[in-house]
């Protein structure tokens, strides 16, 4: 009975994928990874995620995943090109690296930055970029959205002590700005800091979508995003 139910779910997902792809919608994948002090181990997790996701997806990683070494960037860029992906990934200490077939750009985030240059077009999708601490700056968030974006992306490195507050802010910013909001946080421990997970995708008028609530375990999951309707397609 369980096997039959699983087969039906798989068939439903395949049908949904075909319909969404035919409509020109984009798949947004939250790659909530376990990070480590061992940089090579973390990079292997990143590359494994990129090999796993569907071709053509926008893949969003947490903040401070990469150290920014040329070899790291080259390995990620090669997979992005091979699989026709678009990627937003955090680079220590305070930048988000945006890469697709045509774009390779570091966007500074955090203290001392403003809303300028925060909307990047990746594979035809306009992505507004934030870090976790900036969810507490509504004027900045609104400034990013006013520049025109299909999805707001927050790449975070948030600890358990701020997890409850961040959950409320993720929902608040989606409702304030009326655009889908993808929040991606790491799990694991790096440089003595433990991360809380809790990645989620919120659309205006919704609670956090079920399936994005893993707080302690790695999560790689996705939803179709229609830029024309700014809706998630289940």
Protein backbone atom coordinates (compact mmCIF):
# COMPACT_ATOMS: atom_id res chain seq x y z
CA UNK A 1 0.00 0.00 0.00
CA UNK A 2 2.80 2.40 0.90
CA UNK A 3 4.63 1.55 -2.32
CA UNK A 4 1.50 2.31 -4.33
CA UNK A 5 1.05 5.65 -2.60
CA UNK A 6 4.70 6.55 -3.26
CA UNK A 7 4.27 5.70 -6.94
CA UNK A 8 1.21 7.94 -7.17
CA UNK A 9 3.10 10.82 -5.54
CA UNK A 10 6.02 10.37 -7.94
CA UNK A 11 3.64 10.39 -10.90
CA UNK A 12 1.96 13.55 -9.58
CA UNK A 13 5.32 15.30 -9.19
CA UNK A 14 6.36 14.34 -12.73
CA UNK A 15 3.09 15.70 -14.12
CA UNK A 16 3.48 18.92 -12.15
CA UNK A 17 7.06 19.30 -13.37
CA UNK A 18 6.04 18.84 -17.00
CA UNK A 19 3.19 21.36 -16.75
CA UNK A 20 5.29 23.95 -14.96
CA UNK A 21 8.20 23.55 -17.33
CA UNK A 22 5.90 23.84 -20.35
CA UNK A 23 4.49 27.10 -18.89
CA UNK A 24 7.97 28.56 -18.65
CA UNK A 25 8.06 28.51 -14.85
CA UNK A 26 11.29 28.26 -12.89
CA UNK A 27 12.22 25.80 -10.18
CA UNK A 28 13.66 27.43 -7.05
CA UNK A 29 15.64 25.01 -4.88
CA UNK A 30 16.65 25.72 -1.29
CA UNK A 31 19.92 23.93 -0.57
CA UNK A 32 20.07 23.85 3.23
CA UNK A 33 23.43 22.17 3.73
CA UNK A 34 25.45 20.97 6.68
CA UNK A 35 28.59 23.12 6.77
CA UNK A 36 31.92 22.09 8.31
CA UNK A 37 35.23 23.62 9.28
CA UNK A 38 36.71 21.28 6.67
CA UNK A 39 36.35 23.43 3.55
CA UNK A 40 36.77 20.47 1.19
CA UNK A 41 33.96 18.60 2.89
CA UNK A 42 31.63 21.59 2.58
CA UNK A 43 32.54 22.05 -1.09
CA UNK A 44 31.79 18.38 -1.77
CA UNK A 45 28.32 18.90 -0.28
CA UNK A 46 27.76 21.92 -2.53
CA UNK A 47 28.80 20.03 -5.66
CA UNK A 48 26.69 17.02 -4.68
CA UNK A 49 23.66 19.28 -4.34
CA UNK A 50 24.27 20.83 -7.76
CA UNK A 51 24.50 17.37 -9.34
CA UNK A 52 21.23 16.33 -7.66
CA UNK A 53 18.89 19.16 -8.60
CA UNK A 54 16.90 19.41 -11.80
CA UNK A 55 18.59 21.12 -14.75
CA UNK A 56 17.66 24.74 -15.22
CA UNK A 57 16.82 25.40 -11.55
CA UNK A 58 17.70 28.44 -9.47
CA UNK A 59 19.61 26.97 -6.51
CA UNK A 60 19.98 29.04 -3.34
CA UNK A 61 22.56 28.21 -0.66
CA UNK A 62 23.12 29.69 2.82
CA UNK A 63 25.52 32.53 3.63
CA UNK A 64 29.26 31.97 4.16
CA UNK A 65 29.31 28.52 2.55
CA UNK A 66 32.39 29.16 0.41
CA UNK A 67 35.65 30.76 1.48
CA UNK A 68 36.03 32.32 -1.98
CA UNK A 69 39.08 30.41 -3.20
CA UNK A 70 39.47 30.35 -7.01
CA UNK A 71 39.35 26.54 -7.05
CA UNK A 72 35.99 26.56 -5.20
CA UNK A 73 34.51 29.06 -7.62
CA UNK A 74 35.81 27.20 -10.66
CA UNK A 75 34.29 23.88 -9.49
CA UNK A 76 30.88 25.48 -8.86
CA UNK A 77 30.92 27.44 -12.13
CA UNK A 78 31.73 24.32 -14.14
CA UNK A 79 28.70 22.46 -12.78
CA UNK A 80 26.49 25.51 -13.25
CA UNK A 81 27.48 25.60 -16.91
CA UNK A 82 27.12 21.84 -17.46
CA UNK A 83 23.66 21.68 -15.87
CA UNK A 84 22.31 25.06 -17.06
CA UNK A 85 21.75 26.19 -13.48
CA UNK A 86 21.59 29.56 -11.77
CA UNK A 87 23.12 29.76 -8.29
CA UNK A 88 23.21 32.17 -5.36
CA UNK A 89 25.73 31.09 -2.70
CA UNK A 90 27.27 32.85 0.28
CA UNK A 91 30.98 33.64 0.27
CA UNK A 92 32.70 34.51 3.57
CA UNK A 93 32.69 36.96 5.13
CA UNK A 94 29.85 39.04 3.64
CA UNK A 95 29.08 38.55 -0.05
CA UNK A 96 26.66 36.54 -2.16
CA UNK A 97 28.06 35.05 -5.34
CA UNK A 98 25.62 34.95 -8.26
CA UNK A 99 26.47 32.70 -11.18
CA UNK A 100 24.76 31.35 -14.28
CA UNK A 101 25.84 30.78 -17.88
CA UNK A 102 26.51 34.50 -18.36
CA UNK A 103 26.81 36.06 -14.90
CA UNK A 104 29.57 35.77 -12.28
CA UNK A 105 29.09 38.51 -9.75
CA UNK A 106 29.80 39.12 -6.06
CA UNK A 107 27.13 41.20 -4.31
CA UNK A 108 28.21 42.70 -0.96
CA UNK A 109 25.62 42.39 1.82
CA UNK A 110 25.42 43.29 5.50
CA UNK A 111 26.63 46.33 7.44
CA UNK A 112 27.52 49.38 5.39
CA UNK A 113 25.64 48.34 2.25
CA UNK A 114 22.41 49.67 0.74
CA UNK A 115 19.78 48.46 -1.72
CA UNK A 116 21.80 49.38 -4.80
CA UNK A 117 22.91 46.49 -6.99
CA UNK A 118 20.88 43.96 -5.00
CA UNK A 119 18.68 42.75 -7.89
CA UNK A 120 20.49 40.38 -10.22
CA UNK A 121 18.99 38.70 -13.29
CA UNK A 122 19.89 35.02 -13.28
CA UNK A 123 18.67 32.95 -16.23
CA UNK A 124 15.83 35.46 -16.86
CA UNK A 125 14.67 35.52 -13.21
CA UNK A 126 15.09 38.79 -11.29
CA UNK A 127 16.44 37.89 -7.85
CA UNK A 128 16.53 40.32 -4.92
CA UNK A 129 19.39 39.54 -2.52
CA UNK A 130 19.65 39.82 1.28
CA UNK A 131 21.55 38.32 4.19
CA UNK A 132 19.87 37.12 7.37
CA UNK A 133 20.64 40.18 9.52
CA UNK A 134 19.01 42.44 6.93
CA UNK A 135 15.55 41.03 7.59
CA UNK A 136 15.52 43.45 10.53
CA UNK A 137 15.89 46.39 8.11
CA UNK A 138 12.47 46.74 6.41
CA UNK A 139 13.44 49.96 4.62
CA UNK A 140 16.36 48.14 2.97
CA UNK A 141 14.18 45.17 2.03
CA UNK A 142 11.56 47.45 0.49
CA UNK A 143 14.28 49.28 -1.40
CA UNK A 144 15.44 46.00 -2.94
CA UNK A 145 11.90 44.97 -3.91
CA UNK A 146 11.14 48.39 -5.40
CA UNK A 147 13.94 47.78 -7.90
CA UNK A 148 11.80 44.95 -9.28
CA UNK A 149 12.30 41.29 -8.43
CA UNK A 150 10.46 38.02 -9.07
CA UNK A 151 11.70 36.43 -5.85
CA UNK A 152 13.38 37.74 -2.71
CA UNK A 153 16.27 35.55 -1.53
CA UNK A 154 17.80 35.64 1.95
CA UNK A 155 21.03 33.68 2.41
CA UNK A 156 21.55 33.31 6.15
CA UNK A 157 24.00 32.08 8.75
CA UNK A 158 21.64 32.33 11.72
CA UNK A 159 22.17 30.76 15.14
CA UNK A 160 19.49 29.01 17.23
CA UNK A 161 19.17 32.01 19.57
CA UNK A 162 17.65 34.11 16.76
CA UNK A 163 15.71 31.33 15.01
CA UNK A 164 12.26 32.21 16.38
CA UNK A 165 12.64 35.91 15.53
CA UNK A 166 13.88 35.07 12.02
CA UNK A 167 10.89 32.81 11.35
CA UNK A 168 8.57 35.73 12.06
CA UNK A 169 10.64 38.14 9.95
CA UNK A 170 10.75 35.81 6.93
CA UNK A 171 6.95 35.74 6.85
CA UNK A 172 6.64 39.47 7.60
CA UNK A 173 8.94 40.50 4.75
CA UNK A 174 7.02 38.30 2.27
CA UNK A 175 3.71 39.83 3.36
CA UNK A 176 5.10 43.40 3.41
CA UNK A 177 6.66 43.18 -0.02
CA UNK A 178 4.11 40.95 -1.79
CA UNK A 179 6.74 38.79 -3.45
CA UNK A 180 7.78 35.17 -2.74
CA UNK A 181 10.56 34.99 -0.16
CA UNK A 182 13.13 32.18 -0.07
CA UNK A 183 15.09 31.97 3.20
CA UNK A 184 18.02 29.55 3.29
CA UNK A 185 20.01 28.87 6.46
CA UNK A 186 22.74 26.32 7.11
CA UNK A 187 22.89 23.52 9.64
CA UNK A 188 25.99 22.21 11.36
CA UNK A 189 28.85 24.14 12.94
CA UNK A 190 31.66 26.25 11.49
CA UNK A 191 34.27 28.44 13.20
CA UNK A 192 32.66 27.64 16.55
CA UNK A 193 29.19 28.86 15.48
CA UNK A 194 26.20 26.51 15.28
CA UNK A 195 23.50 27.18 12.68
CA UNK A 196 19.77 26.67 13.14
CA UNK A 197 18.50 25.57 9.72
CA UNK A 198 14.80 26.30 9.28
CA UNK A 199 14.95 27.12 5.56
CA UNK A 200 11.58 27.93 4.07
CA UNK A 201 9.81 29.46 1.09
CA UNK A 202 6.92 31.84 1.78
CA UNK A 203 4.55 33.39 -0.71
CA UNK A 204 2.30 36.39 -0.04
CA UNK A 205 -0.83 35.39 1.83
CA UNK A 206 0.54 31.99 2.88
CA UNK A 207 2.06 30.45 5.93
CA UNK A 208 5.46 28.84 5.35
CA UNK A 209 4.93 26.01 2.93
CA UNK A 210 5.08 22.52 4.47
CA UNK A 211 8.18 20.59 3.54
CA UNK A 212 10.52 23.51 4.18
CA UNK A 213 10.58 23.21 7.97
CA UNK A 214 13.61 20.98 8.58
CA UNK A 215 15.48 22.64 11.42
CA UNK A 216 18.12 20.05 12.24
CA UNK A 217 18.68 17.95 9.13
CA UNK A 218 19.99 18.90 5.68
CA UNK A 219 17.23 19.78 3.25
CA UNK A 220 17.33 20.00 -0.51
CA UNK A 221 13.89 20.68 -1.92
CA UNK A 222 12.24 22.87 -4.50
CA UNK A 223 9.07 24.54 -5.69
CA UNK A 224 8.09 25.86 -9.07
CA UNK A 225 8.01 29.65 -9.22
CA UNK A 226 5.99 31.45 -11.87
CA UNK A 227 7.41 34.96 -12.35
CA UNK A 228 4.24 36.03 -14.13
CA UNK A 229 1.91 35.18 -11.23
CA UNK A 230 4.42 35.22 -8.34
CA UNK A 231 2.81 32.01 -7.09
CA UNK A 232 4.14 28.65 -6.04
CA UNK A 233 2.85 25.68 -8.02
CA UNK A 234 2.40 22.67 -5.77
